[in-house]
Amino acid sequence: MVSTEKKTEPRSTGLGFLYIRNMRKRYGLSKAQRLKSRKSIDALFEKGEGFSVFPIRVVYAVVEGEVGVKVGVSASKRNFKKAVHRNRIKRLLREAYRLQQEEFVTTVTASGKSLALFFNYTDKILPTFDTIAAAMAKCLVRLQQKLNEEPS
């Protein structure tokens, strides 16, 4: 015997997207947080200070402008001939920073500073995410210490 009744599924009101859109992205890395301007990058490498936490080299500078942190990443063409490998490394660097940025960014913005950062991968072998994440955590801790030492 075949039933002619239609099964009805509960329908969504269609307003679920409003909640998601209005939520602050806790772990985002927006366009405004990316260091993209050629002038800004050149100025950062000219006047910025740096340190290394293997396999990441960090160059940073306190800059004039909007309060917050702008970040750039790179991998050397000399060490990685294939763009696929360079892009993977840059993606890993961005992801490691994105997941660990929250506490760092809140302390920098609370201090009223505007910071430009650049992370450069220096090793010659392809990394795992765990390697990058551990090095990034050390970088952010060390950078926080260096910023606290500087006079405002």
Protein backbone atom coordinates (compact mmCIF):
# COMPACT_ATOMS: atom_id res chain seq x y z
CA MET A 1 0.00 0.00 0.00
CA VAL A 2 1.46 3.34 -1.07
CA SER A 3 0.95 6.34 1.13
CA THR A 4 -0.07 9.56 -0.58
CA GLU A 5 0.81 11.78 2.36
CA LYS A 6 3.66 14.18 1.81
CA LYS A 7 6.37 14.22 4.39
CA THR A 8 7.00 17.75 5.48
CA GLU A 9 10.38 18.84 6.75
CA PRO A 10 10.58 21.66 9.24
CA ARG A 11 11.48 24.78 7.31
CA SER A 12 14.09 27.30 8.24
CA THR A 13 12.97 30.89 8.59
CA GLY A 14 15.87 31.89 6.35
CA LEU A 15 17.27 34.33 8.91
CA GLY A 16 20.07 32.13 10.18
CA PHE A 17 22.55 33.98 7.99
CA LEU A 18 21.96 37.22 9.94
CA TYR A 19 23.40 35.71 13.08
CA ILE A 20 26.49 34.50 11.24
CA ARG A 21 27.05 37.76 9.38
CA ASN A 22 26.78 39.87 12.54
CA MET A 23 29.16 37.69 14.52
CA ARG A 24 32.66 39.10 14.85
CA LYS A 25 35.20 36.88 13.14
CA ARG A 26 37.38 35.75 15.97
CA TYR A 27 40.08 34.08 13.90
CA GLY A 28 39.86 36.01 10.64
CA LEU A 29 42.59 37.64 8.62
CA SER A 30 40.84 40.35 6.66
CA LYS A 31 42.18 42.43 3.79
CA ALA A 32 42.66 45.34 6.17
CA GLN A 33 45.04 43.18 8.23
CA ARG A 34 47.25 42.25 5.27
CA LEU A 35 50.38 44.16 4.34
CA LYS A 36 50.08 44.62 0.58
CA SER A 37 51.36 48.07 -0.37
CA ARG A 38 54.78 48.08 -2.04
CA LYS A 39 55.64 51.37 -0.27
CA SER A 40 54.73 49.94 3.13
CA ILE A 41 56.74 46.78 2.55
CA ASP A 42 59.80 48.72 1.35
CA ALA A 43 59.57 51.07 4.35
CA LEU A 44 59.25 48.08 6.69
CA PHE A 45 62.41 46.43 5.38
CA GLU A 46 64.29 49.77 5.39
CA LYS A 47 63.45 50.91 8.91
CA GLY A 48 62.19 47.80 10.62
CA GLU A 49 63.91 45.58 13.14
CA GLY A 50 64.07 41.82 12.89
CA PHE A 51 64.83 38.55 14.60
CA SER A 52 64.73 34.87 13.73
CA VAL A 53 63.02 31.91 15.30
CA PHE A 54 64.00 29.04 13.05
CA PRO A 55 62.56 28.57 10.41
CA ILE A 56 60.84 31.98 10.44
CA ARG A 57 62.47 35.40 10.13
CA VAL A 58 60.34 38.25 11.48
CA VAL A 59 60.71 41.89 10.44
CA TYR A 60 58.58 44.41 12.31
CA ALA A 61 58.18 48.14 12.72
CA VAL A 62 55.90 50.44 14.64
CA VAL A 63 54.35 52.64 11.95
CA GLU A 64 52.16 55.70 11.74
CA GLY A 65 48.54 55.24 10.83
CA GLU A 66 45.52 53.26 11.87
CA VAL A 67 45.90 51.31 15.12
CA GLY A 68 46.29 47.59 14.51
CA VAL A 69 48.54 44.99 12.97
CA LYS A 70 49.27 44.44 9.26
CA VAL A 71 50.91 41.18 8.24
CA GLY A 72 52.80 39.93 5.19
CA VAL A 73 54.33 36.52 4.46
CA SER A 74 56.85 35.19 1.96
CA ALA A 75 58.92 32.20 0.91
CA SER A 76 62.12 32.50 -1.08
CA LYS A 77 62.13 31.70 -4.78
CA ARG A 78 65.77 30.74 -4.38
CA ASN A 79 64.89 27.91 -1.98
CA PHE A 80 61.60 26.85 -3.56
CA LYS A 81 61.58 26.94 -7.35
CA LYS A 82 58.00 25.76 -7.74
CA ALA A 83 55.25 28.29 -7.07
CA VAL A 84 53.09 25.48 -5.66
CA HIS A 85 55.57 24.98 -2.82
CA ARG A 86 55.95 28.73 -2.14
CA ASN A 87 52.18 29.16 -2.05
CA ARG A 88 51.79 26.24 0.35
CA ILE A 89 54.37 27.71 2.73
CA LYS A 90 52.70 31.12 2.60
CA ARG A 91 49.32 29.52 3.25
CA LEU A 92 50.75 27.66 6.27
CA LEU A 93 52.33 30.86 7.62
CA ARG A 94 49.07 32.80 7.27
CA GLU A 95 47.06 30.02 8.88
CA ALA A 96 49.46 29.66 11.83
CA TYR A 97 49.36 33.43 12.41
CA ARG A 98 45.58 33.61 11.97
CA LEU A 99 44.95 30.96 14.62
CA GLN A 100 47.30 32.54 17.17
CA GLN A 101 46.80 36.25 16.52
CA GLU A 102 43.93 37.09 18.87
CA GLU A 103 45.81 37.74 22.12
CA PHE A 104 48.70 39.43 20.32
CA VAL A 105 46.49 41.79 18.30
CA THR A 106 44.37 42.77 21.32
CA THR A 107 47.47 43.74 23.35
CA VAL A 108 48.93 45.75 20.46
CA THR A 109 45.67 47.61 19.80
CA ALA A 110 45.18 48.22 23.54
CA SER A 111 48.60 49.87 23.65
CA GLY A 112 47.51 52.16 20.80
CA LYS A 113 50.29 51.10 18.44
CA SER A 114 50.17 50.43 14.73
CA LEU A 115 52.44 47.58 13.74
CA ALA A 116 53.67 46.22 10.41
CA LEU A 117 54.91 42.60 10.45
CA PHE A 118 56.51 40.38 7.86
CA PHE A 119 57.12 36.66 8.26
CA ASN A 120 59.70 35.09 5.94
CA TYR A 121 60.23 31.33 5.79
CA THR A 122 63.99 30.61 5.70
CA ASP A 123 64.41 26.82 5.71
CA LYS A 124 65.09 24.85 2.52
CA ILE A 125 62.65 21.98 3.08
CA LEU A 126 58.86 21.96 2.98
CA PRO A 127 57.49 22.30 6.52
CA THR A 128 54.61 20.65 8.30
CA PHE A 129 51.92 22.76 9.89
CA ASP A 130 53.06 21.70 13.37
CA THR A 131 56.56 23.06 12.73
CA ILE A 132 55.22 26.38 11.49
CA ALA A 133 52.65 26.70 14.30
CA ALA A 134 55.27 26.08 17.00
CA ALA A 135 57.68 28.58 15.47
CA MET A 136 54.89 31.15 15.03
CA ALA A 137 53.91 30.84 18.69
CA LYS A 138 57.54 31.51 19.71
CA CYS A 139 57.72 34.44 17.27
CA LEU A 140 54.62 36.10 18.69
CA VAL A 141 55.81 35.67 22.29
CA ARG A 142 59.22 37.12 21.45
CA LEU A 143 57.68 39.97 19.48
CA GLN A 144 55.40 40.79 22.41
CA GLN A 145 58.44 40.94 24.69
CA LYS A 146 60.31 43.22 22.28
CA LEU A 147 57.32 45.56 21.97
CA ASN A 148 56.99 45.77 25.76
CA GLU A 149 60.68 46.74 26.04
CA GLU A 150 60.33 49.63 23.58
CA PRO A 151 59.43 53.06 24.95
CA SER A 152 56.06 54.25 23.62
